Amino acid sequence: MVAKAELAEQYQRFPAGLMVYLSSCLIDAIDDWATGSGGLPPDLYERFLGWSDESAPTA
């Protein structure tokens, strides 16, 4: 939870940049799981991108 708060704070002025960064992390995670023998976890979106919508500032 600390890492999420720190990322949200670092990208507070540029939330689109946070989404780009998290999307690239999601792609890396998918690539990592693809090379393994297990299936993709069903909650990947929530792990990488779903929480970031909650941290976006409201107008």
PDB file of N, CA and C in Angstrom:
ATOM      1  N   MET A   1       0.810  -1.195   0.000  1.00  0.00           N
ATOM      2  CA  MET A   1       0.000   0.000   0.000  1.00  0.00           C
ATOM      3  C   MET A   1       0.858   1.266   0.000  1.00  0.00           C
ATOM      4  N   VAL A   2       2.016   1.193   0.615  1.00  0.00           N
ATOM      5  CA  VAL A   2       2.900   2.347   0.665  1.00  0.00           C
ATOM      6  C   VAL A   2       3.370   2.711  -0.741  1.00  0.00           C
ATOM      7  N   ALA A   3       3.719   1.697  -1.534  1.00  0.00           N
ATOM      8  CA  ALA A   3       4.197   1.962  -2.897  1.00  0.00           C
ATOM      9  C   ALA A   3       3.120   2.640  -3.731  1.00  0.00           C
ATOM     10  N   LYS A   4       1.877   2.219  -3.578  1.00  0.00           N
ATOM     11  CA  LYS A   4       0.779   2.833  -4.334  1.00  0.00           C
ATOM     12  C   LYS A   4       0.611   4.294  -3.944  1.00  0.00           C
ATOM     13  N   ALA A   5       0.690   4.582  -2.664  1.00  0.00           N
ATOM     14  CA  ALA A   5       0.554   5.962  -2.194  1.00  0.00           C
ATOM     15  C   ALA A   5       1.706   6.824  -2.715  1.00  0.00           C
ATOM     16  N   GLU A   6       2.906   6.254  -2.708  1.00  0.00           N
ATOM     17  CA  GLU A   6       4.060   7.004  -3.202  1.00  0.00           C
ATOM     18  C   GLU A   6       3.945   7.272  -4.704  1.00  0.00           C
ATOM     19  N   LEU A   7       3.506   6.279  -5.468  1.00  0.00           N
ATOM     20  CA  LEU A   7       3.323   6.491  -6.904  1.00  0.00           C
ATOM     21  C   LEU A   7       2.259   7.548  -7.173  1.00  0.00           C
ATOM     22  N   ALA A   8       1.135   7.461  -6.462  1.00  0.00           N
ATOM     23  CA  ALA A   8       0.060   8.442  -6.646  1.00  0.00           C
ATOM     24  C   ALA A   8       0.562   9.848  -6.340  1.00  0.00           C
ATOM     25  N   GLU A   9       1.391   9.968  -5.315  1.00  0.00           N
ATOM     26  CA  GLU A   9       1.940  11.285  -4.951  1.00  0.00           C
ATOM     27  C   GLU A   9       2.921  11.780  -6.020  1.00  0.00           C
ATOM     28  N   GLN A  10       3.785  10.888  -6.514  1.00  0.00           N
ATOM     29  CA  GLN A  10       4.775  11.279  -7.511  1.00  0.00           C
ATOM     30  C   GLN A  10       4.121  11.732  -8.812  1.00  0.00           C
ATOM     31  N   TYR A  11       3.003  11.111  -9.165  1.00  0.00           N
ATOM     32  CA  TYR A  11       2.333  11.419 -10.428  1.00  0.00           C
ATOM     33  C   TYR A  11       1.085  12.284 -10.228  1.00  0.00           C
ATOM     34  N   GLN A  12       0.987  12.948  -9.099  1.00  0.00           N
ATOM     35  CA  GLN A  12      -0.195  13.743  -8.770  1.00  0.00           C
ATOM     36  C   GLN A  12      -0.497  14.785  -9.847  1.00  0.00           C
ATOM     37  N   ARG A  13       0.512  15.414 -10.388  1.00  0.00           N
ATOM     38  CA  ARG A  13       0.299  16.467 -11.397  1.00  0.00           C
ATOM     39  C   ARG A  13       0.181  15.916 -12.817  1.00  0.00           C
ATOM     40  N   PHE A  14       0.508  14.636 -12.990  1.00  0.00           N
ATOM     41  CA  PHE A  14       0.465  14.033 -14.317  1.00  0.00           C
ATOM     42  C   PHE A  14      -0.101  12.611 -14.218  1.00  0.00           C
ATOM     43  N   PRO A  15      -1.395  12.483 -13.922  1.00  0.00           N
ATOM     44  CA  PRO A  15      -1.992  11.152 -13.742  1.00  0.00           C
ATOM     45  C   PRO A  15      -1.938  10.288 -14.995  1.00  0.00           C
ATOM     46  N   ALA A  16      -1.916  10.899 -16.173  1.00  0.00           N
ATOM     47  CA  ALA A  16      -1.803  10.111 -17.401  1.00  0.00           C
ATOM     48  C   ALA A  16      -0.442   9.405 -17.448  1.00  0.00           C
ATOM     49  N   GLY A  17       0.577  10.040 -16.931  1.00  0.00           N
ATOM     50  CA  GLY A  17       1.900   9.417 -16.863  1.00  0.00           C
ATOM     51  C   GLY A  17       1.898   8.190 -15.964  1.00  0.00           C
ATOM     52  N   LEU A  18       1.134   8.260 -14.880  1.00  0.00           N
ATOM     53  CA  LEU A  18       1.002   7.108 -13.987  1.00  0.00           C
ATOM     54  C   LEU A  18       0.358   5.948 -14.727  1.00  0.00           C
ATOM     55  N   MET A  19      -0.668   6.224 -15.513  1.00  0.00           N
ATOM     56  CA  MET A  19      -1.342   5.166 -16.267  1.00  0.00           C
ATOM     57  C   MET A  19      -0.399   4.553 -17.305  1.00  0.00           C
ATOM     58  N   VAL A  20       0.413   5.367 -17.949  1.00  0.00           N
ATOM     59  CA  VAL A  20       1.384   4.850 -18.923  1.00  0.00           C
ATOM     60  C   VAL A  20       2.401   3.954 -18.218  1.00  0.00           C
ATOM     61  N   TYR A  21       2.911   4.417 -17.094  1.00  0.00           N
ATOM     62  CA  TYR A  21       3.889   3.630 -16.336  1.00  0.00           C
ATOM     63  C   TYR A  21       3.284   2.313 -15.874  1.00  0.00           C
ATOM     64  N   LEU A  22       2.094   2.368 -15.287  1.00  0.00           N
ATOM     65  CA  LEU A  22       1.456   1.152 -14.780  1.00  0.00           C
ATOM     66  C   LEU A  22       1.098   0.198 -15.915  1.00  0.00           C
ATOM     67  N   SER A  23       0.709   0.745 -17.051  1.00  0.00           N
ATOM     68  CA  SER A  23       0.405  -0.102 -18.209  1.00  0.00           C
ATOM     69  C   SER A  23       1.646  -0.849 -18.675  1.00  0.00           C
ATOM     70  N   SER A  24       2.785  -0.169 -18.665  1.00  0.00           N
ATOM     71  CA  SER A  24       4.022  -0.847 -19.069  1.00  0.00           C
ATOM     72  C   SER A  24       4.396  -1.935 -18.063  1.00  0.00           C
ATOM     73  N   CYS A  25       4.128  -1.694 -16.794  1.00  0.00           N
ATOM     74  CA  CYS A  25       4.375  -2.724 -15.781  1.00  0.00           C
ATOM     75  C   CYS A  25       3.450  -3.924 -15.990  1.00  0.00           C
ATOM     76  N   LEU A  26       2.200  -3.656 -16.365  1.00  0.00           N
ATOM     77  CA  LEU A  26       1.245  -4.735 -16.641  1.00  0.00           C
ATOM     78  C   LEU A  26       1.725  -5.575 -17.822  1.00  0.00           C
ATOM     79  N   ILE A  27       2.188  -4.938 -18.865  1.00  0.00           N
ATOM     80  CA  ILE A  27       2.694  -5.676 -20.031  1.00  0.00           C
ATOM     81  C   ILE A  27       3.898  -6.535 -19.633  1.00  0.00           C
ATOM     82  N   ASP A  28       4.792  -5.996 -18.821  1.00  0.00           N
ATOM     83  CA  ASP A  28       5.935  -6.777 -18.348  1.00  0.00           C
ATOM     84  C   ASP A  28       5.469  -7.985 -17.534  1.00  0.00           C
ATOM     85  N   ALA A  29       4.472  -7.803 -16.703  1.00  0.00           N
ATOM     86  CA  ALA A  29       3.952  -8.898 -15.891  1.00  0.00           C
ATOM     87  C   ALA A  29       3.327  -9.981 -16.770  1.00  0.00           C
ATOM     88  N   ILE A  30       2.588  -9.571 -17.785  1.00  0.00           N
ATOM     89  CA  ILE A  30       1.982 -10.538 -18.707  1.00  0.00           C
ATOM     90  C   ILE A  30       3.079 -11.321 -19.425  1.00  0.00           C
ATOM     91  N   ASP A  31       4.118 -10.635 -19.863  1.00  0.00           N
ATOM     92  CA  ASP A  31       5.244 -11.317 -20.511  1.00  0.00           C
ATOM     93  C   ASP A  31       5.899 -12.324 -19.565  1.00  0.00           C
ATOM     94  N   ASP A  32       6.070 -11.934 -18.301  1.00  0.00           N
ATOM     95  CA  ASP A  32       6.664 -12.835 -17.315  1.00  0.00           C
ATOM     96  C   ASP A  32       5.802 -14.079 -17.119  1.00  0.00           C
ATOM     97  N   TRP A  33       4.497 -13.885 -16.968  1.00  0.00           N
ATOM     98  CA  TRP A  33       3.602 -15.025 -16.770  1.00  0.00           C
ATOM     99  C   TRP A  33       3.518 -15.893 -18.029  1.00  0.00           C
ATOM    100  N   ALA A  34       3.634 -15.304 -19.198  1.00  0.00           N
ATOM    101  CA  ALA A  34       3.553 -16.053 -20.452  1.00  0.00           C
ATOM    102  C   ALA A  34       4.713 -17.028 -20.588  1.00  0.00           C
ATOM    103  N   THR A  35       5.863 -16.692 -20.016  1.00  0.00           N
ATOM    104  CA  THR A  35       7.016 -17.583 -20.106  1.00  0.00           C
ATOM    105  C   THR A  35       6.942 -18.702 -19.070  1.00  0.00           C
ATOM    106  N   GLY A  36       6.055 -18.581 -18.093  1.00  0.00           N
ATOM    107  CA  GLY A  36       5.900 -19.602 -17.068  1.00  0.00           C
ATOM    108  C   GLY A  36       4.853 -20.628 -17.465  1.00  0.00           C
ATOM    109  N   SER A  37       4.607 -21.557 -16.574  1.00  0.00           N
ATOM    110  CA  SER A  37       3.656 -22.630 -16.873  1.00  0.00           C
ATOM    111  C   SER A  37       2.259 -22.349 -16.331  1.00  0.00           C
ATOM    112  N   GLY A  38       2.133 -21.379 -15.482  1.00  0.00           N
ATOM    113  CA  GLY A  38       0.830 -21.082 -14.887  1.00  0.00           C
ATOM    114  C   GLY A  38       0.025 -20.112 -15.729  1.00  0.00           C
ATOM    115  N   GLY A  39      -1.267 -20.048 -15.448  1.00  0.00           N
ATOM    116  CA  GLY A  39      -2.128 -19.110 -16.148  1.00  0.00           C
ATOM    117  C   GLY A  39      -2.052 -17.726 -15.531  1.00  0.00           C
ATOM    118  N   LEU A  40      -2.580 -16.762 -16.241  1.00  0.00           N
ATOM    119  CA  LEU A  40      -2.605 -15.384 -15.742  1.00  0.00           C
ATOM    120  C   LEU A  40      -3.566 -15.261 -14.565  1.00  0.00           C
ATOM    121  N   PRO A  41      -3.182 -14.559 -13.522  1.00  0.00           N
ATOM    122  CA  PRO A  41      -4.110 -14.306 -12.425  1.00  0.00           C
ATOM    123  C   PRO A  41      -5.292 -13.476 -12.933  1.00  0.00           C
ATOM    124  N   PRO A  42      -6.491 -13.743 -12.445  1.00  0.00           N
ATOM    125  CA  PRO A  42      -7.669 -13.030 -12.955  1.00  0.00           C
ATOM    126  C   PRO A  42      -7.735 -11.565 -12.525  1.00  0.00           C
ATOM    127  N   ASP A  43      -6.937 -11.167 -11.561  1.00  0.00           N
ATOM    128  CA  ASP A  43      -7.025  -9.810 -11.023  1.00  0.00           C
ATOM    129  C   ASP A  43      -5.896  -8.897 -11.486  1.00  0.00           C
ATOM    130  N   LEU A  44      -5.294  -9.183 -12.627  1.00  0.00           N
ATOM    131  CA  LEU A  44      -4.172  -8.364 -13.090  1.00  0.00           C
ATOM    132  C   LEU A  44      -4.555  -6.907 -13.283  1.00  0.00           C
ATOM    133  N   TYR A  45      -5.702  -6.654 -13.870  1.00  0.00           N
ATOM    134  CA  TYR A  45      -6.118  -5.265 -14.083  1.00  0.00           C
ATOM    135  C   TYR A  45      -6.188  -4.521 -12.752  1.00  0.00           C
ATOM    136  N   GLU A  46      -6.826  -5.134 -11.773  1.00  0.00           N
ATOM    137  CA  GLU A  46      -6.952  -4.481 -10.461  1.00  0.00           C
ATOM    138  C   GLU A  46      -5.595  -4.249  -9.818  1.00  0.00           C
ATOM    139  N   ARG A  47      -4.699  -5.201  -9.963  1.00  0.00           N
ATOM    140  CA  ARG A  47      -3.370  -5.065  -9.360  1.00  0.00           C
ATOM    141  C   ARG A  47      -2.589  -3.894  -9.945  1.00  0.00           C
ATOM    142  N   PHE A  48      -2.687  -3.726 -11.253  1.00  0.00           N
ATOM    143  CA  PHE A  48      -1.836  -2.747 -11.914  1.00  0.00           C
ATOM    144  C   PHE A  48      -2.541  -1.432 -12.241  1.00  0.00           C
ATOM    145  N   LEU A  49      -3.774  -1.480 -12.674  1.00  0.00           N
ATOM    146  CA  LEU A  49      -4.438  -0.270 -13.155  1.00  0.00           C
ATOM    147  C   LEU A  49      -5.686   0.121 -12.364  1.00  0.00           C
ATOM    148  N   GLY A  50      -6.401  -0.832 -11.844  1.00  0.00           N
ATOM    149  CA  GLY A  50      -7.687  -0.555 -11.199  1.00  0.00           C
ATOM    150  C   GLY A  50      -7.600   0.407 -10.030  1.00  0.00           C
ATOM    151  N   TRP A  51      -6.564   0.303  -9.244  1.00  0.00           N
ATOM    152  CA  TRP A  51      -6.438   1.156  -8.066  1.00  0.00           C
ATOM    153  C   TRP A  51      -6.099   2.608  -8.435  1.00  0.00           C
ATOM    154  N   SER A  52      -5.473   2.807  -9.579  1.00  0.00           N
ATOM    155  CA  SER A  52      -5.000   4.153  -9.918  1.00  0.00           C
ATOM    156  C   SER A  52      -6.146   5.128 -10.209  1.00  0.00           C
ATOM    157  N   ASP A  53      -7.283   4.610 -10.640  1.00  0.00           N
ATOM    158  CA  ASP A  53      -8.445   5.469 -10.867  1.00  0.00           C
ATOM    159  C   ASP A  53      -8.919   6.094  -9.556  1.00  0.00           C
ATOM    160  N   GLU A  54      -8.771   5.346  -8.468  1.00  0.00           N
ATOM    161  CA  GLU A  54      -9.186   5.839  -7.154  1.00  0.00           C
ATOM    162  C   GLU A  54      -8.294   6.961  -6.662  1.00  0.00           C
ATOM    163  N   SER A  55      -7.036   6.961  -7.089  1.00  0.00           N
ATOM    164  CA  SER A  55      -6.096   7.962  -6.589  1.00  0.00           C
ATOM    165  C   SER A  55      -6.078   9.221  -7.441  1.00  0.00           C
ATOM    166  N   ALA A  56      -6.812   9.188  -8.566  1.00  0.00           N
ATOM    167  CA  ALA A  56      -6.834  10.367  -9.449  1.00  0.00           C
ATOM    168  C   ALA A  56      -7.573  11.516  -8.781  1.00  0.00           C
ATOM    169  N   PRO A  57      -7.063  12.711  -8.905  1.00  0.00           N
ATOM    170  CA  PRO A  57      -7.754  13.854  -8.293  1.00  0.00           C
ATOM    171  C   PRO A  57      -9.080  14.115  -9.005  1.00  0.00           C
ATOM    172  N   THR A  58     -10.068  14.501  -8.237  1.00  0.00           N
ATOM    173  CA  THR A  58     -11.373  14.830  -8.808  1.00  0.00           C
ATOM    174  C   THR A  58     -11.469  16.311  -9.070  1.00  0.00           C
ATOM    175  N   ALA A  59     -12.161  16.678 -10.122  1.00  0.00           N
ATOM    176  CA  ALA A  59     -12.289  18.100 -10.475  1.00  0.00           C
ATOM    177  C   ALA A  59     -13.392  18.777  -9.701  1.00  0.00           C
TER     178      ALA A  59
END
